[in-house]
Amino acid sequence: MGKANTAVNTWLSDNKRFADLFNGTVFGGKQVILPEDLEGLDRETDIIVTGKATLPEICSATGIS
């Protein structure tokens, strides 16, 4: 794991930062993800985005209304 990846993972390990980032970018500022509902994991996960989905498609796929 490179230094940049370590820095990003450390920054995102703060539940408030993680929630703010995703609420702002994915949900247009709507408070969908709450920091108190998140829990840390002792592993690293990669996400690969293969296409562009719209917000309604993301919400439908994740069960968020």
N, C-alpha and C. Protein backbone atom coordinates (compact mmCIF):
# COMPACT_ATOMS: atom_id res chain seq x y z
N MET A 1 0.86 -1.17 0.00
CA MET A 1 0.00 0.00 0.00
C MET A 1 0.91 1.24 0.00
N GLY A 2 0.64 2.19 -0.90
CA GLY A 2 1.45 3.40 -1.00
C GLY A 2 1.08 4.43 0.04
N LYS A 3 1.94 5.44 0.14
CA LYS A 3 1.73 6.50 1.13
C LYS A 3 0.43 7.26 0.89
N ALA A 4 0.10 7.54 -0.37
CA ALA A 4 -1.14 8.28 -0.67
C ALA A 4 -2.36 7.48 -0.26
N ASN A 5 -2.33 6.19 -0.52
CA ASN A 5 -3.45 5.33 -0.14
C ASN A 5 -3.60 5.28 1.37
N THR A 6 -2.49 5.22 2.08
CA THR A 6 -2.52 5.21 3.54
C THR A 6 -3.13 6.50 4.07
N ALA A 7 -2.76 7.63 3.48
CA ALA A 7 -3.29 8.92 3.91
C ALA A 7 -4.79 9.00 3.67
N VAL A 8 -5.25 8.54 2.52
CA VAL A 8 -6.69 8.57 2.22
C VAL A 8 -7.43 7.65 3.17
N ASN A 9 -6.93 6.47 3.40
CA ASN A 9 -7.59 5.54 4.32
C ASN A 9 -7.66 6.10 5.73
N THR A 10 -6.59 6.75 6.16
CA THR A 10 -6.58 7.36 7.50
C THR A 10 -7.62 8.48 7.56
N TRP A 11 -7.67 9.32 6.54
CA TRP A 11 -8.62 10.43 6.50
C TRP A 11 -10.05 9.90 6.51
N LEU A 12 -10.33 8.88 5.70
CA LEU A 12 -11.68 8.34 5.60
C LEU A 12 -12.07 7.47 6.80
N SER A 13 -11.13 7.13 7.65
CA SER A 13 -11.46 6.31 8.82
C SER A 13 -12.26 7.11 9.86
N ASP A 14 -12.28 8.43 9.72
CA ASP A 14 -13.11 9.28 10.58
C ASP A 14 -14.55 9.20 10.05
N ASN A 15 -15.46 8.66 10.84
CA ASN A 15 -16.84 8.45 10.39
C ASN A 15 -17.54 9.72 9.94
N LYS A 16 -17.27 10.84 10.59
CA LYS A 16 -17.90 12.10 10.20
C LYS A 16 -17.41 12.54 8.82
N ARG A 17 -16.11 12.43 8.58
CA ARG A 17 -15.56 12.79 7.26
C ARG A 17 -16.14 11.89 6.18
N PHE A 18 -16.17 10.59 6.45
CA PHE A 18 -16.70 9.64 5.47
C PHE A 18 -18.14 9.98 5.12
N ALA A 19 -18.97 10.19 6.14
CA ALA A 19 -20.38 10.51 5.92
C ALA A 19 -20.53 11.82 5.17
N ASP A 20 -19.77 12.84 5.55
CA ASP A 20 -19.84 14.14 4.87
C ASP A 20 -19.46 14.02 3.40
N LEU A 21 -18.39 13.29 3.12
CA LEU A 21 -17.93 13.12 1.74
C LEU A 21 -19.00 12.45 0.89
N PHE A 22 -19.53 11.32 1.34
CA PHE A 22 -20.50 10.59 0.54
C PHE A 22 -21.85 11.29 0.49
N ASN A 23 -22.28 11.90 1.58
CA ASN A 23 -23.54 12.64 1.54
C ASN A 23 -23.45 13.81 0.57
N GLY A 24 -22.31 14.48 0.55
CA GLY A 24 -22.14 15.63 -0.34
C GLY A 24 -21.99 15.26 -1.79
N THR A 25 -21.23 14.21 -2.07
CA THR A 25 -20.96 13.87 -3.47
C THR A 25 -21.98 12.92 -4.08
N VAL A 26 -22.43 11.96 -3.34
CA VAL A 26 -23.35 10.96 -3.89
C VAL A 26 -24.81 11.38 -3.72
N PHE A 27 -25.13 11.99 -2.59
CA PHE A 27 -26.52 12.28 -2.28
C PHE A 27 -26.86 13.77 -2.33
N GLY A 28 -26.00 14.56 -2.95
CA GLY A 28 -26.28 15.97 -3.16
C GLY A 28 -26.49 16.76 -1.87
N GLY A 29 -25.85 16.35 -0.79
CA GLY A 29 -25.95 17.05 0.48
C GLY A 29 -27.01 16.52 1.41
N LYS A 30 -27.89 15.64 0.91
CA LYS A 30 -28.91 15.04 1.77
C LYS A 30 -28.22 14.12 2.78
N GLN A 31 -28.60 14.22 4.04
CA GLN A 31 -27.95 13.46 5.11
C GLN A 31 -28.50 12.03 5.16
N VAL A 32 -27.99 11.20 4.26
CA VAL A 32 -28.42 9.80 4.15
C VAL A 32 -27.55 8.91 5.05
N ILE A 33 -26.25 9.14 5.01
CA ILE A 33 -25.31 8.37 5.81
C ILE A 33 -25.01 9.15 7.08
N LEU A 34 -25.25 8.54 8.22
CA LEU A 34 -25.00 9.19 9.50
C LEU A 34 -23.75 8.60 10.14
N PRO A 35 -22.85 9.46 10.64
CA PRO A 35 -21.60 8.97 11.22
C PRO A 35 -21.83 7.94 12.33
N GLU A 36 -22.87 8.13 13.13
CA GLU A 36 -23.11 7.20 14.24
C GLU A 36 -23.60 5.83 13.79
N ASP A 37 -24.00 5.71 12.51
CA ASP A 37 -24.44 4.42 11.98
C ASP A 37 -23.29 3.63 11.35
N LEU A 38 -22.12 4.24 11.25
CA LEU A 38 -20.97 3.59 10.61
C LEU A 38 -20.12 2.87 11.64
N GLU A 39 -19.44 1.83 11.18
CA GLU A 39 -18.50 1.12 12.05
C GLU A 39 -17.25 0.80 11.25
N GLY A 40 -16.14 0.82 11.92
CA GLY A 40 -14.86 0.57 11.26
C GLY A 40 -14.66 -0.90 10.95
N LEU A 41 -13.82 -1.16 9.96
CA LEU A 41 -13.44 -2.52 9.60
C LEU A 41 -11.93 -2.64 9.71
N ASP A 42 -11.46 -3.82 10.03
CA ASP A 42 -10.02 -4.05 10.14
C ASP A 42 -9.43 -4.59 8.84
N ARG A 43 -9.99 -4.16 7.75
CA ARG A 43 -9.46 -4.60 6.46
C ARG A 43 -9.63 -3.48 5.45
N GLU A 44 -8.96 -3.63 4.34
CA GLU A 44 -9.01 -2.65 3.27
C GLU A 44 -9.89 -3.20 2.16
N THR A 45 -10.68 -2.34 1.56
CA THR A 45 -11.57 -2.74 0.47
C THR A 45 -11.35 -1.83 -0.72
N ASP A 46 -11.31 -2.39 -1.89
CA ASP A 46 -11.21 -1.60 -3.11
C ASP A 46 -12.57 -1.52 -3.77
N ILE A 47 -12.83 -0.40 -4.38
CA ILE A 47 -14.07 -0.20 -5.12
C ILE A 47 -13.69 0.14 -6.55
N ILE A 48 -14.26 -0.56 -7.48
CA ILE A 48 -14.02 -0.29 -8.89
C ILE A 48 -15.32 0.21 -9.49
N VAL A 49 -15.27 1.39 -10.08
CA VAL A 49 -16.44 1.98 -10.72
C VAL A 49 -16.31 1.75 -12.22
N THR A 50 -17.25 0.99 -12.78
CA THR A 50 -17.15 0.64 -14.19
C THR A 50 -18.03 1.50 -15.09
N GLY A 51 -18.94 2.24 -14.51
CA GLY A 51 -19.81 3.09 -15.31
C GLY A 51 -20.39 4.18 -14.45
N LYS A 52 -21.12 5.06 -15.07
CA LYS A 52 -21.73 6.15 -14.31
C LYS A 52 -23.19 5.81 -14.04
N ALA A 53 -23.55 5.84 -12.78
CA ALA A 53 -24.94 5.58 -12.39
C ALA A 53 -25.54 6.90 -11.90
N THR A 54 -26.82 7.03 -12.08
CA THR A 54 -27.51 8.22 -11.58
C THR A 54 -27.85 8.01 -10.11
N LEU A 55 -28.15 9.10 -9.41
CA LEU A 55 -28.51 9.01 -8.00
C LEU A 55 -29.70 8.07 -7.79
N PRO A 56 -30.78 8.17 -8.59
CA PRO A 56 -31.89 7.21 -8.39
C PRO A 56 -31.47 5.76 -8.55
N GLU A 57 -30.55 5.48 -9.49
CA GLU A 57 -30.07 4.11 -9.68
C GLU A 57 -29.26 3.65 -8.46
N ILE A 58 -28.44 4.52 -7.92
CA ILE A 58 -27.66 4.17 -6.73
C ILE A 58 -28.59 3.91 -5.57
N CYS A 59 -29.56 4.79 -5.36
CA CYS A 59 -30.49 4.62 -4.25
C CYS A 59 -31.30 3.34 -4.39
N SER A 60 -31.73 3.04 -5.59
CA SER A 60 -32.49 1.83 -5.83
C SER A 60 -31.64 0.59 -5.55
N ALA A 61 -30.40 0.60 -5.98
CA ALA A 61 -29.51 -0.55 -5.81
C ALA A 61 -29.14 -0.78 -4.35
N THR A 62 -29.13 0.30 -3.56
CA THR A 62 -28.74 0.17 -2.16
C THR A 62 -29.92 0.12 -1.22
N GLY A 63 -31.13 0.27 -1.74
CA GLY A 63 -32.32 0.22 -0.91
C GLY A 63 -32.62 1.52 -0.20
N ILE A 64 -31.99 2.62 -0.60
CA ILE A 64 -32.23 3.92 0.01
C ILE A 64 -33.35 4.60 -0.76
N SER A 65 -34.29 5.14 -0.02
CA SER A 65 -35.39 5.85 -0.70
C SER A 65 -35.32 7.33 -0.46
